[in-house]
């Protein structure tokens, strides 16, 4: 990737996925992958490794994190019925591809996933 491409990617990241709030400063917009019942599935730009996604319910009774490679629960608690719904959503090939693309948008080099 040449320096012009790198600059364009950085500008896109900061212009199109950044909010500026006078009170809180600059922060990145999380990307909504999808919704299942009362749960939102999101990927946060510039998040840490390992590659993962977040699941939160509207009432905040669910706040869980899952690996992007195999949907293993990393953090949080979720009942078995909701876990089945998350895994079924994750197992769709289009969903997995979308999630990888969303993760890779804000990553460079070896931080990207295939």
PDB file of N, CA and C in Angstrom:
ATOM      1  N   UNK A   1       0.853  -1.173   0.000  1.00  0.00           N
ATOM      2  CA  UNK A   1       0.000   0.000   0.000  1.00  0.00           C
ATOM      3  C   UNK A   1       0.896   1.232   0.000  1.00  0.00           C
ATOM      4  N   UNK A   2       0.673   2.127  -0.964  1.00  0.00           N
ATOM      5  CA  UNK A   2       1.503   3.321  -1.012  1.00  0.00           C
ATOM      6  C   UNK A   2       0.990   4.369  -0.024  1.00  0.00           C
ATOM      7  N   UNK A   3       1.753   5.413   0.140  1.00  0.00           N
ATOM      8  CA  UNK A   3       1.418   6.416   1.163  1.00  0.00           C
ATOM      9  C   UNK A   3       0.110   7.143   0.855  1.00  0.00           C
ATOM     10  N   UNK A   4      -0.207   7.324  -0.432  1.00  0.00           N
ATOM     11  CA  UNK A   4      -1.466   7.987  -0.779  1.00  0.00           C
ATOM     12  C   UNK A   4      -2.664   7.126  -0.375  1.00  0.00           C
ATOM     13  N   UNK A   5      -2.598   5.819  -0.646  1.00  0.00           N
ATOM     14  CA  UNK A   5      -3.674   4.913  -0.240  1.00  0.00           C
ATOM     15  C   UNK A   5      -3.829   4.885   1.270  1.00  0.00           C
ATOM     16  N   UNK A   6      -2.711   4.853   1.971  1.00  0.00           N
ATOM     17  CA  UNK A   6      -2.735   4.848   3.434  1.00  0.00           C
ATOM     18  C   UNK A   6      -3.382   6.123   3.963  1.00  0.00           C
ATOM     19  N   UNK A   7      -3.023   7.251   3.374  1.00  0.00           N
ATOM     20  CA  UNK A   7      -3.612   8.527   3.787  1.00  0.00           C
ATOM     21  C   UNK A   7      -5.116   8.547   3.532  1.00  0.00           C
ATOM     22  N   UNK A   8      -5.549   8.040   2.378  1.00  0.00           N
ATOM     23  CA  UNK A   8      -6.976   8.004   2.068  1.00  0.00           C
ATOM     24  C   UNK A   8      -7.741   7.119   3.044  1.00  0.00           C
ATOM     25  N   UNK A   9      -7.163   5.983   3.409  1.00  0.00           N
ATOM     26  CA  UNK A   9      -7.818   5.095   4.380  1.00  0.00           C
ATOM     27  C   UNK A   9      -7.933   5.774   5.735  1.00  0.00           C
ATOM     28  N   UNK A  10      -6.878   6.425   6.165  1.00  0.00           N
ATOM     29  CA  UNK A  10      -6.913   7.115   7.453  1.00  0.00           C
ATOM     30  C   UNK A  10      -7.945   8.237   7.433  1.00  0.00           C
ATOM     31  N   UNK A  11      -7.991   8.988   6.343  1.00  0.00           N
ATOM     32  CA  UNK A  11      -8.963  10.079   6.246  1.00  0.00           C
ATOM     33  C   UNK A  11     -10.386   9.529   6.274  1.00  0.00           C
ATOM     34  N   UNK A  12     -10.629   8.447   5.546  1.00  0.00           N
ATOM     35  CA  UNK A  12     -11.953   7.830   5.561  1.00  0.00           C
ATOM     36  C   UNK A  12     -12.339   7.413   6.967  1.00  0.00           C
ATOM     37  N   UNK A  13     -11.395   6.810   7.667  1.00  0.00           N
ATOM     38  CA  UNK A  13     -11.668   6.348   9.034  1.00  0.00           C
ATOM     39  C   UNK A  13     -12.048   7.528   9.929  1.00  0.00           C
ATOM     40  N   UNK A  14     -11.317   8.615   9.838  1.00  0.00           N
ATOM     41  CA  UNK A  14     -11.572   9.734  10.739  1.00  0.00           C
ATOM     42  C   UNK A  14     -12.745  10.600  10.303  1.00  0.00           C
ATOM     43  N   UNK A  15     -12.994  10.694   9.016  1.00  0.00           N
ATOM     44  CA  UNK A  15     -14.087  11.546   8.549  1.00  0.00           C
ATOM     45  C   UNK A  15     -15.431  10.818   8.627  1.00  0.00           C
ATOM     46  N   UNK A  16     -15.480   9.578   8.168  1.00  0.00           N
ATOM     47  CA  UNK A  16     -16.756   8.885   8.040  1.00  0.00           C
ATOM     48  C   UNK A  16     -17.163   8.071   9.256  1.00  0.00           C
ATOM     49  N   UNK A  17     -16.249   7.767  10.142  1.00  0.00           N
ATOM     50  CA  UNK A  17     -16.624   6.937  11.292  1.00  0.00           C
ATOM     51  C   UNK A  17     -16.192   7.581  12.614  1.00  0.00           C
ATOM     52  N   UNK A  18     -16.167   8.889  12.636  1.00  0.00           N
ATOM     53  CA  UNK A  18     -15.766   9.605  13.834  1.00  0.00           C
ATOM     54  C   UNK A  18     -16.822  10.629  14.194  1.00  0.00           C
ATOM     55  N   UNK A  19     -17.115  10.724  15.466  1.00  0.00           N
ATOM     56  CA  UNK A  19     -17.987  11.768  15.965  1.00  0.00           C
ATOM     57  C   UNK A  19     -17.173  12.680  16.868  1.00  0.00           C
ATOM     58  N   UNK A  20     -17.499  13.946  16.836  1.00  0.00           N
ATOM     59  CA  UNK A  20     -16.843  14.899  17.723  1.00  0.00           C
ATOM     60  C   UNK A  20     -17.911  15.473  18.633  1.00  0.00           C
ATOM     61  N   UNK A  21     -17.658  15.370  19.918  1.00  0.00           N
ATOM     62  CA  UNK A  21     -18.576  15.860  20.919  1.00  0.00           C
ATOM     63  C   UNK A  21     -17.793  16.828  21.791  1.00  0.00           C
ATOM     64  N   UNK A  22     -18.292  18.030  21.984  1.00  0.00           N
ATOM     65  CA  UNK A  22     -17.557  19.046  22.743  1.00  0.00           C
ATOM     66  C   UNK A  22     -17.233  18.582  24.158  1.00  0.00           C
ATOM     67  N   UNK A  23     -18.129  17.820  24.750  1.00  0.00           N
ATOM     68  CA  UNK A  23     -17.924  17.372  26.122  1.00  0.00           C
ATOM     69  C   UNK A  23     -16.960  16.191  26.214  1.00  0.00           C
ATOM     70  N   UNK A  24     -17.084  15.239  25.287  1.00  0.00           N
ATOM     71  CA  UNK A  24     -16.311  13.999  25.371  1.00  0.00           C
ATOM     72  C   UNK A  24     -15.138  13.932  24.403  1.00  0.00           C
ATOM     73  N   UNK A  25     -15.045  14.835  23.464  1.00  0.00           N
ATOM     74  CA  UNK A  25     -13.961  14.808  22.494  1.00  0.00           C
ATOM     75  C   UNK A  25     -14.303  13.955  21.291  1.00  0.00           C
ATOM     76  N   UNK A  26     -13.273  13.308  20.727  1.00  0.00           N
ATOM     77  CA  UNK A  26     -13.417  12.513  19.519  1.00  0.00           C
ATOM     78  C   UNK A  26     -13.589  11.056  19.891  1.00  0.00           C
ATOM     79  N   UNK A  27     -14.531  10.383  19.234  1.00  0.00           N
ATOM     80  CA  UNK A  27     -14.672   8.953  19.443  1.00  0.00           C
ATOM     81  C   UNK A  27     -15.172   8.300  18.165  1.00  0.00           C
ATOM     82  N   UNK A  28     -14.915   7.005  18.044  1.00  0.00           N
ATOM     83  CA  UNK A  28     -15.269   6.264  16.843  1.00  0.00           C
ATOM     84  C   UNK A  28     -16.655   5.646  16.975  1.00  0.00           C
ATOM     85  N   UNK A  29     -17.345   5.575  15.848  1.00  0.00           N
ATOM     86  CA  UNK A  29     -18.687   5.022  15.801  1.00  0.00           C
ATOM     87  C   UNK A  29     -18.594   3.502  15.705  1.00  0.00           C
ATOM     88  N   UNK A  30     -19.323   2.821  16.548  1.00  0.00           N
ATOM     89  CA  UNK A  30     -19.377   1.370  16.448  1.00  0.00           C
ATOM     90  C   UNK A  30     -20.234   0.995  15.252  1.00  0.00           C
ATOM     91  N   UNK A  31     -19.925  -0.157  14.670  1.00  0.00           N
ATOM     92  CA  UNK A  31     -20.643  -0.593  13.485  1.00  0.00           C
ATOM     93  C   UNK A  31     -21.631  -1.690  13.856  1.00  0.00           C
ATOM     94  N   UNK A  32     -22.866  -1.486  13.484  1.00  0.00           N
ATOM     95  CA  UNK A  32     -23.916  -2.459  13.760  1.00  0.00           C
ATOM     96  C   UNK A  32     -23.869  -3.547  12.693  1.00  0.00           C
ATOM     97  N   UNK A  33     -23.623  -4.785  13.128  1.00  0.00           N
ATOM     98  CA  UNK A  33     -23.609  -5.927  12.224  1.00  0.00           C
ATOM     99  C   UNK A  33     -25.039  -6.391  11.989  1.00  0.00           C
ATOM    100  N   UNK A  34     -25.814  -6.479  13.058  1.00  0.00           N
ATOM    101  CA  UNK A  34     -27.190  -6.930  12.946  1.00  0.00           C
ATOM    102  C   UNK A  34     -27.896  -6.913  14.283  1.00  0.00           C
ATOM    103  N   UNK A  35     -29.176  -7.280  14.245  1.00  0.00           N
ATOM    104  CA  UNK A  35     -29.986  -7.356  15.461  1.00  0.00           C
ATOM    105  C   UNK A  35     -30.681  -8.708  15.490  1.00  0.00           C
ATOM    106  N   UNK A  36     -30.728  -9.275  16.666  1.00  0.00           N
ATOM    107  CA  UNK A  36     -31.465 -10.510  16.901  1.00  0.00           C
ATOM    108  C   UNK A  36     -32.340 -10.266  18.117  1.00  0.00           C
ATOM    109  N   UNK A  37     -33.634 -10.286  17.900  1.00  0.00           N
ATOM    110  CA  UNK A  37     -34.594 -10.003  18.967  1.00  0.00           C
ATOM    111  C   UNK A  37     -34.222  -8.699  19.652  1.00  0.00           C
ATOM    112  N   UNK A  38     -33.858  -8.742  20.920  1.00  0.00           N
ATOM    113  CA  UNK A  38     -33.520  -7.505  21.642  1.00  0.00           C
ATOM    114  C   UNK A  38     -32.011  -7.281  21.746  1.00  0.00           C
ATOM    115  N   UNK A  39     -31.226  -7.983  20.927  1.00  0.00           N
ATOM    116  CA  UNK A  39     -29.763  -7.902  21.021  1.00  0.00           C
ATOM    117  C   UNK A  39     -29.171  -7.207  19.796  1.00  0.00           C
ATOM    118  N   UNK A  40     -28.188  -6.342  20.028  1.00  0.00           N
ATOM    119  CA  UNK A  40     -27.433  -5.707  18.958  1.00  0.00           C
ATOM    120  C   UNK A  40     -26.067  -6.387  18.879  1.00  0.00           C
ATOM    121  N   UNK A  41     -25.617  -6.668  17.656  1.00  0.00           N
ATOM    122  CA  UNK A  41     -24.302  -7.248  17.421  1.00  0.00           C
ATOM    123  C   UNK A  41     -23.466  -6.151  16.765  1.00  0.00           C
ATOM    124  N   UNK A  42     -22.355  -5.786  17.431  1.00  0.00           N
ATOM    125  CA  UNK A  42     -21.561  -4.651  16.983  1.00  0.00           C
ATOM    126  C   UNK A  42     -20.074  -4.983  16.951  1.00  0.00           C
ATOM    127  N   UNK A  43     -19.379  -4.263  16.080  1.00  0.00           N
ATOM    128  CA  UNK A  43     -17.917  -4.312  16.033  1.00  0.00           C
ATOM    129  C   UNK A  43     -17.442  -2.888  16.264  1.00  0.00           C
ATOM    130  N   UNK A  44     -16.470  -2.735  17.152  1.00  0.00           N
ATOM    131  CA  UNK A  44     -15.949  -1.416  17.481  1.00  0.00           C
ATOM    132  C   UNK A  44     -14.666  -1.153  16.693  1.00  0.00           C
ATOM    133  N   UNK A  45     -14.594  -0.028  15.970  1.00  0.00           N
ATOM    134  CA  UNK A  45     -13.364   0.313  15.261  1.00  0.00           C
ATOM    135  C   UNK A  45     -12.208   0.484  16.253  1.00  0.00           C
ATOM    136  N   UNK A  46     -11.041   0.168  15.794  1.00  0.00           N
ATOM    137  CA  UNK A  46      -9.805   0.318  16.585  1.00  0.00           C
ATOM    138  C   UNK A  46      -9.834  -0.486  17.870  1.00  0.00           C
ATOM    139  N   UNK A  47     -10.619  -1.563  17.910  1.00  0.00           N
ATOM    140  CA  UNK A  47     -10.673  -2.409  19.102  1.00  0.00           C
ATOM    141  C   UNK A  47      -9.436  -3.304  19.157  1.00  0.00           C
ATOM    142  N   UNK A  48      -9.156  -3.838  20.309  1.00  0.00           N
ATOM    143  CA  UNK A  48      -7.963  -4.660  20.564  1.00  0.00           C
ATOM    144  C   UNK A  48      -8.139  -6.076  20.030  1.00  0.00           C
ATOM    145  N   UNK A  49      -7.025  -6.769  19.881  1.00  0.00           N
ATOM    146  CA  UNK A  49      -7.046  -8.193  19.518  1.00  0.00           C
ATOM    147  C   UNK A  49      -7.334  -9.025  20.750  1.00  0.00           C
ATOM    148  N   UNK A  50      -7.831 -10.242  20.634  1.00  0.00           N
ATOM    149  CA  UNK A  50      -8.128 -10.943  19.397  1.00  0.00           C
ATOM    150  C   UNK A  50      -9.369 -10.358  18.734  1.00  0.00           C
ATOM    151  N   UNK A  51      -9.493 -10.552  17.406  1.00  0.00           N
ATOM    152  CA  UNK A  51     -10.676 -10.059  16.708  1.00  0.00           C
ATOM    153  C   UNK A  51     -11.957 -10.592  17.363  1.00  0.00           C
ATOM    154  N   UNK A  52     -12.904  -9.692  17.608  1.00  0.00           N
ATOM    155  CA  UNK A  52     -14.106 -10.079  18.343  1.00  0.00           C
ATOM    156  C   UNK A  52     -15.266  -9.148  18.011  1.00  0.00           C
ATOM    157  N   UNK A  53     -16.452  -9.553  18.455  1.00  0.00           N
ATOM    158  CA  UNK A  53     -17.640  -8.719  18.314  1.00  0.00           C
ATOM    159  C   UNK A  53     -18.369  -8.685  19.650  1.00  0.00           C
ATOM    160  N   UNK A  54     -19.202  -7.663  19.799  1.00  0.00           N
ATOM    161  CA  UNK A  54     -19.931  -7.432  21.042  1.00  0.00           C
ATOM    162  C   UNK A  54     -21.415  -7.680  20.836  1.00  0.00           C
ATOM    163  N   UNK A  55     -22.050  -8.225  21.847  1.00  0.00           N
ATOM    164  CA  UNK A  55     -23.500  -8.433  21.842  1.00  0.00           C
ATOM    165  C   UNK A  55     -24.054  -7.758  23.087  1.00  0.00           C
ATOM    166  N   UNK A  56     -25.009  -6.844  22.864  1.00  0.00           N
ATOM    167  CA  UNK A  56     -25.647  -6.147  23.994  1.00  0.00           C
ATOM    168  C   UNK A  56     -27.145  -6.141  23.776  1.00  0.00           C
ATOM    169  N   UNK A  57     -27.863  -6.373  24.862  1.00  0.00           N
ATOM    170  CA  UNK A  57     -29.319  -6.309  24.781  1.00  0.00           C
ATOM    171  C   UNK A  57     -29.783  -4.888  25.075  1.00  0.00           C
ATOM    172  N   UNK A  58     -30.988  -4.579  24.655  1.00  0.00           N
ATOM    173  CA  UNK A  58     -31.534  -3.238  24.869  1.00  0.00           C
ATOM    174  C   UNK A  58     -31.597  -2.881  26.349  1.00  0.00           C
ATOM    175  N   UNK A  59     -31.910  -3.859  27.190  1.00  0.00           N
ATOM    176  CA  UNK A  59     -32.019  -3.592  28.624  1.00  0.00           C
ATOM    177  C   UNK A  59     -30.690  -3.794  29.363  1.00  0.00           C
ATOM    178  N   UNK A  60     -29.618  -4.067  28.606  1.00  0.00           N
ATOM    179  CA  UNK A  60     -28.250  -4.265  29.131  1.00  0.00           C
ATOM    180  C   UNK A  60     -28.109  -5.488  30.037  1.00  0.00           C
ATOM    181  N   UNK A  61     -29.072  -6.403  29.982  1.00  0.00           N
ATOM    182  CA  UNK A  61     -28.924  -7.641  30.740  1.00  0.00           C
ATOM    183  C   UNK A  61     -27.913  -8.567  30.069  1.00  0.00           C
ATOM    184  N   UNK A  62     -27.646  -8.320  28.791  1.00  0.00           N
ATOM    185  CA  UNK A  62     -26.623  -9.069  28.057  1.00  0.00           C
ATOM    186  C   UNK A  62     -25.555  -8.089  27.613  1.00  0.00           C
ATOM    187  N   UNK A  63     -24.329  -8.377  27.974  1.00  0.00           N
ATOM    188  CA  UNK A  63     -23.165  -7.614  27.538  1.00  0.00           C
ATOM    189  C   UNK A  63     -22.045  -8.630  27.389  1.00  0.00           C
ATOM    190  N   UNK A  64     -21.912  -9.201  26.190  1.00  0.00           N
ATOM    191  CA  UNK A  64     -20.996 -10.308  25.967  1.00  0.00           C
ATOM    192  C   UNK A  64     -20.083 -10.018  24.786  1.00  0.00           C
ATOM    193  N   UNK A  65     -18.938 -10.669  24.777  1.00  0.00           N
ATOM    194  CA  UNK A  65     -17.956 -10.540  23.709  1.00  0.00           C
ATOM    195  C   UNK A  65     -17.617 -11.925  23.178  1.00  0.00           C
ATOM    196  N   UNK A  66     -17.557 -12.048  21.834  1.00  0.00           N
ATOM    197  CA  UNK A  66     -17.301 -13.323  21.175  1.00  0.00           C
ATOM    198  C   UNK A  66     -16.152 -13.185  20.178  1.00  0.00           C
ATOM    199  N   UNK A  67     -15.378 -14.247  20.019  1.00  0.00           N
ATOM    200  CA  UNK A  67     -14.304 -14.281  19.025  1.00  0.00           C
ATOM    201  C   UNK A  67     -14.901 -14.276  17.619  1.00  0.00           C
ATOM    202  N   UNK A  68     -14.207 -13.598  16.712  1.00  0.00           N
ATOM    203  CA  UNK A  68     -14.659 -13.550  15.325  1.00  0.00           C
ATOM    204  C   UNK A  68     -14.313 -14.811  14.543  1.00  0.00           C
ATOM    205  N   UNK A  69     -13.345 -15.586  14.995  1.00  0.00           N
ATOM    206  CA  UNK A  69     -12.955 -16.762  14.221  1.00  0.00           C
ATOM    207  C   UNK A  69     -13.839 -17.976  14.490  1.00  0.00           C
ATOM    208  N   UNK A  70     -14.345 -18.119  15.719  1.00  0.00           N
ATOM    209  CA  UNK A  70     -15.120 -19.326  16.026  1.00  0.00           C
ATOM    210  C   UNK A  70     -16.329 -19.093  16.929  1.00  0.00           C
ATOM    211  N   UNK A  71     -16.634 -17.842  17.232  1.00  0.00           N
ATOM    212  CA  UNK A  71     -17.802 -17.468  18.041  1.00  0.00           C
ATOM    213  C   UNK A  71     -17.712 -17.975  19.483  1.00  0.00           C
ATOM    214  N   UNK A  72     -16.497 -18.154  19.969  1.00  0.00           N
ATOM    215  CA  UNK A  72     -16.306 -18.534  21.368  1.00  0.00           C
ATOM    216  C   UNK A  72     -16.603 -17.340  22.265  1.00  0.00           C
ATOM    217  N   UNK A  73     -17.334 -17.574  23.344  1.00  0.00           N
ATOM    218  CA  UNK A  73     -17.631 -16.524  24.311  1.00  0.00           C
ATOM    219  C   UNK A  73     -16.350 -16.149  25.048  1.00  0.00           C
ATOM    220  N   UNK A  74     -15.948 -14.881  24.945  1.00  0.00           N
ATOM    221  CA  UNK A  74     -14.746 -14.394  25.630  1.00  0.00           C
ATOM    222  C   UNK A  74     -15.068 -13.784  26.986  1.00  0.00           C
ATOM    223  N   UNK A  75     -16.197 -13.085  27.044  1.00  0.00           N
ATOM    224  CA  UNK A  75     -16.521 -12.338  28.257  1.00  0.00           C
ATOM    225  C   UNK A  75     -18.023 -12.159  28.334  1.00  0.00           C
ATOM    226  N   UNK A  76     -18.546 -12.162  29.532  1.00  0.00           N
ATOM    227  CA  UNK A  76     -19.961 -11.910  29.745  1.00  0.00           C
ATOM    228  C   UNK A  76     -20.744 -13.194  29.944  1.00  0.00           C
ATOM    229  N   UNK A  77     -22.026 -13.015  30.185  1.00  0.00           N
ATOM    230  CA  UNK A  77     -22.926 -14.149  30.388  1.00  0.00           C
ATOM    231  C   UNK A  77     -24.113 -14.005  29.449  1.00  0.00           C
ATOM    232  N   UNK A  78     -24.574 -15.165  28.957  1.00  0.00           N
ATOM    233  CA  UNK A  78     -25.699 -15.170  28.046  1.00  0.00           C
ATOM    234  C   UNK A  78     -26.413 -16.509  28.200  1.00  0.00           C
ATOM    235  N   UNK A  79     -27.727 -16.502  28.206  1.00  0.00           N
ATOM    236  CA  UNK A  79     -28.436 -17.772  28.403  1.00  0.00           C
ATOM    237  C   UNK A  79     -28.327 -18.647  27.155  1.00  0.00           C
ATOM    238  N   UNK A  80     -28.628 -19.917  27.308  1.00  0.00           N
ATOM    239  CA  UNK A  80     -28.412 -20.890  26.239  1.00  0.00           C
ATOM    240  C   UNK A  80     -29.253 -20.600  24.995  1.00  0.00           C
ATOM    241  N   UNK A  81     -30.473 -20.108  25.163  1.00  0.00           N
ATOM    242  CA  UNK A  81     -31.309 -19.796  24.000  1.00  0.00           C
ATOM    243  C   UNK A  81     -30.734 -18.641  23.187  1.00  0.00           C
ATOM    244  N   UNK A  82     -30.287 -17.590  23.867  1.00  0.00           N
ATOM    245  CA  UNK A  82     -29.692 -16.461  23.158  1.00  0.00           C
ATOM    246  C   UNK A  82     -28.352 -16.859  22.547  1.00  0.00           C
ATOM    247  N   UNK A  83     -27.605 -17.713  23.231  1.00  0.00           N
ATOM    248  CA  UNK A  83     -26.340 -18.201  22.685  1.00  0.00           C
ATOM    249  C   UNK A  83     -26.583 -18.960  21.380  1.00  0.00           C
ATOM    250  N   UNK A  84     -27.610 -19.780  21.327  1.00  0.00           N
ATOM    251  CA  UNK A  84     -27.956 -20.505  20.091  1.00  0.00           C
ATOM    252  C   UNK A  84     -28.300 -19.522  18.974  1.00  0.00           C
ATOM    253  N   UNK A  85     -29.019 -18.465  19.304  1.00  0.00           N
ATOM    254  CA  UNK A  85     -29.377 -17.457  18.296  1.00  0.00           C
ATOM    255  C   UNK A  85     -28.136 -16.759  17.756  1.00  0.00           C
ATOM    256  N   UNK A  86     -27.215 -16.400  18.651  1.00  0.00           N
ATOM    257  CA  UNK A  86     -25.972 -15.740  18.238  1.00  0.00           C
ATOM    258  C   UNK A  86     -25.163 -16.669  17.335  1.00  0.00           C
ATOM    259  N   UNK A  87     -25.023 -17.923  17.725  1.00  0.00           N
ATOM    260  CA  UNK A  87     -24.237 -18.881  16.929  1.00  0.00           C
ATOM    261  C   UNK A  87     -24.881 -19.126  15.565  1.00  0.00           C
ATOM    262  N   UNK A  88     -26.203 -19.207  15.505  1.00  0.00           N
ATOM    263  CA  UNK A  88     -26.883 -19.390  14.223  1.00  0.00           C
ATOM    264  C   UNK A  88     -26.651 -18.180  13.315  1.00  0.00           C
ATOM    265  N   UNK A  89     -26.728 -16.985  13.890  1.00  0.00           N
ATOM    266  CA  UNK A  89     -26.452 -15.756  13.145  1.00  0.00           C
ATOM    267  C   UNK A  89     -25.012 -15.768  12.643  1.00  0.00           C
ATOM    268  N   UNK A  90     -24.082 -16.117  13.522  1.00  0.00           N
ATOM    269  CA  UNK A  90     -22.657 -16.126  13.189  1.00  0.00           C
ATOM    270  C   UNK A  90     -22.337 -17.137  12.097  1.00  0.00           C
ATOM    271  N   UNK A  91     -22.991 -18.292  12.103  1.00  0.00           N
ATOM    272  CA  UNK A  91     -22.654 -19.372  11.180  1.00  0.00           C
ATOM    273  C   UNK A  91     -23.050 -19.112   9.731  1.00  0.00           C
ATOM    274  N   UNK A  92     -23.749 -18.049   9.450  1.00  0.00           N
ATOM    275  CA  UNK A  92     -24.062 -17.681   8.075  1.00  0.00           C
ATOM    276  C   UNK A  92     -22.791 -17.122   7.415  1.00  0.00           C
ATOM    277  N   UNK A  93     -22.437 -17.649   6.233  1.00  0.00           N
ATOM    278  CA  UNK A  93     -21.216 -17.213   5.545  1.00  0.00           C
ATOM    279  C   UNK A  93     -21.214 -15.726   5.231  1.00  0.00           C
ATOM    280  N   UNK A  94     -22.355 -15.178   4.841  1.00  0.00           N
ATOM    281  CA  UNK A  94     -22.419 -13.739   4.550  1.00  0.00           C
ATOM    282  C   UNK A  94     -22.163 -12.908   5.798  1.00  0.00           C
ATOM    283  N   UNK A  95     -22.689 -13.368   6.930  1.00  0.00           N
ATOM    284  CA  UNK A  95     -22.466 -12.658   8.189  1.00  0.00           C
ATOM    285  C   UNK A  95     -20.992 -12.671   8.549  1.00  0.00           C
ATOM    286  N   UNK A  96     -20.351 -13.817   8.442  1.00  0.00           N
ATOM    287  CA  UNK A  96     -18.932 -13.913   8.786  1.00  0.00           C
ATOM    288  C   UNK A  96     -18.089 -13.001   7.889  1.00  0.00           C
ATOM    289  N   UNK A  97     -18.402 -12.981   6.596  1.00  0.00           N
ATOM    290  CA  UNK A  97     -17.657 -12.119   5.679  1.00  0.00           C
ATOM    291  C   UNK A  97     -17.854 -10.645   6.028  1.00  0.00           C
ATOM    292  N   UNK A  98     -19.083 -10.257   6.313  1.00  0.00           N
ATOM    293  CA  UNK A  98     -19.377  -8.874   6.695  1.00  0.00           C
ATOM    294  C   UNK A  98     -18.625  -8.486   7.960  1.00  0.00           C
ATOM    295  N   UNK A  99     -18.622  -9.378   8.947  1.00  0.00           N
ATOM    296  CA  UNK A  99     -17.947  -9.073  10.210  1.00  0.00           C
ATOM    297  C   UNK A  99     -16.437  -8.924  10.009  1.00  0.00           C
ATOM    298  N   UNK A 100     -15.858  -9.755   9.179  1.00  0.00           N
ATOM    299  CA  UNK A 100     -14.422  -9.643   8.888  1.00  0.00           C
ATOM    300  C   UNK A 100     -14.115  -8.321   8.191  1.00  0.00           C
ATOM    301  N   UNK A 101     -14.964  -7.949   7.237  1.00  0.00           N
ATOM    302  CA  UNK A 101     -14.767  -6.672   6.543  1.00  0.00           C
ATOM    303  C   UNK A 101     -14.867  -5.495   7.512  1.00  0.00           C
ATOM    304  N   UNK A 102     -15.842  -5.539   8.404  1.00  0.00           N
ATOM    305  CA  UNK A 102     -16.001  -4.466   9.392  1.00  0.00           C
ATOM    306  C   UNK A 102     -14.789  -4.392  10.315  1.00  0.00           C
ATOM    307  N   UNK A 103     -14.298  -5.545  10.753  1.00  0.00           N
ATOM    308  CA  UNK A 103     -13.121  -5.569  11.627  1.00  0.00           C
ATOM    309  C   UNK A 103     -11.924  -4.976  10.902  1.00  0.00           C
ATOM    310  N   UNK A 104     -11.739  -5.363   9.646  1.00  0.00           N
ATOM    311  CA  UNK A 104     -10.556  -4.964   8.889  1.00  0.00           C
ATOM    312  C   UNK A 104     -10.550  -3.499   8.478  1.00  0.00           C
ATOM    313  N   UNK A 105     -11.708  -2.830   8.471  1.00  0.00           N
ATOM    314  CA  UNK A 105     -11.785  -1.435   8.039  1.00  0.00           C
ATOM    315  C   UNK A 105     -10.806  -0.532   8.781  1.00  0.00           C
ATOM    316  N   UNK A 106     -10.660  -0.739  10.058  1.00  0.00           N
ATOM    317  CA  UNK A 106      -9.818   0.166  10.852  1.00  0.00           C
ATOM    318  C   UNK A 106      -8.474  -0.456  11.217  1.00  0.00           C
ATOM    319  N   UNK A 107      -8.124  -1.561  10.555  1.00  0.00           N
ATOM    320  CA  UNK A 107      -6.884  -2.271  10.890  1.00  0.00           C
ATOM    321  C   UNK A 107      -5.881  -2.168   9.749  1.00  0.00           C
ATOM    322  N   UNK A 108      -4.622  -2.315  10.092  1.00  0.00           N
ATOM    323  CA  UNK A 108      -3.551  -2.289   9.110  1.00  0.00           C
ATOM    324  C   UNK A 108      -2.616  -3.461   9.348  1.00  0.00           C
ATOM    325  N   UNK A 109      -2.022  -3.960   8.280  1.00  0.00           N
ATOM    326  CA  UNK A 109      -0.995  -5.000   8.381  1.00  0.00           C
ATOM    327  C   UNK A 109      -1.487  -6.266   9.020  1.00  0.00           C
ATOM    328  N   UNK A 110      -0.715  -6.734  10.002  1.00  0.00           N
ATOM    329  CA  UNK A 110      -1.020  -8.033  10.630  1.00  0.00           C
ATOM    330  C   UNK A 110      -2.203  -7.996  11.592  1.00  0.00           C
ATOM    331  N   UNK A 111      -2.827  -6.852  11.780  1.00  0.00           N
ATOM    332  CA  UNK A 111      -4.031  -6.770  12.610  1.00  0.00           C
ATOM    333  C   UNK A 111      -5.266  -7.235  11.850  1.00  0.00           C
ATOM    334  N   UNK A 112      -5.164  -7.266  10.506  1.00  0.00           N
ATOM    335  CA  UNK A 112      -6.310  -7.691   9.690  1.00  0.00           C
ATOM    336  C   UNK A 112      -6.471  -9.200   9.769  1.00  0.00           C
ATOM    337  N   UNK A 113      -7.713  -9.645   9.517  1.00  0.00           N
ATOM    338  CA  UNK A 113      -7.986 -11.079   9.479  1.00  0.00           C
ATOM    339  C   UNK A 113      -8.429 -11.459   8.066  1.00  0.00           C
ATOM    340  N   UNK A 114      -8.184 -12.713   7.726  1.00  0.00           N
ATOM    341  CA  UNK A 114      -8.552 -13.202   6.371  1.00  0.00           C
ATOM    342  C   UNK A 114      -9.944 -13.765   6.360  1.00  0.00           C
TER     343      UNK A 114
END
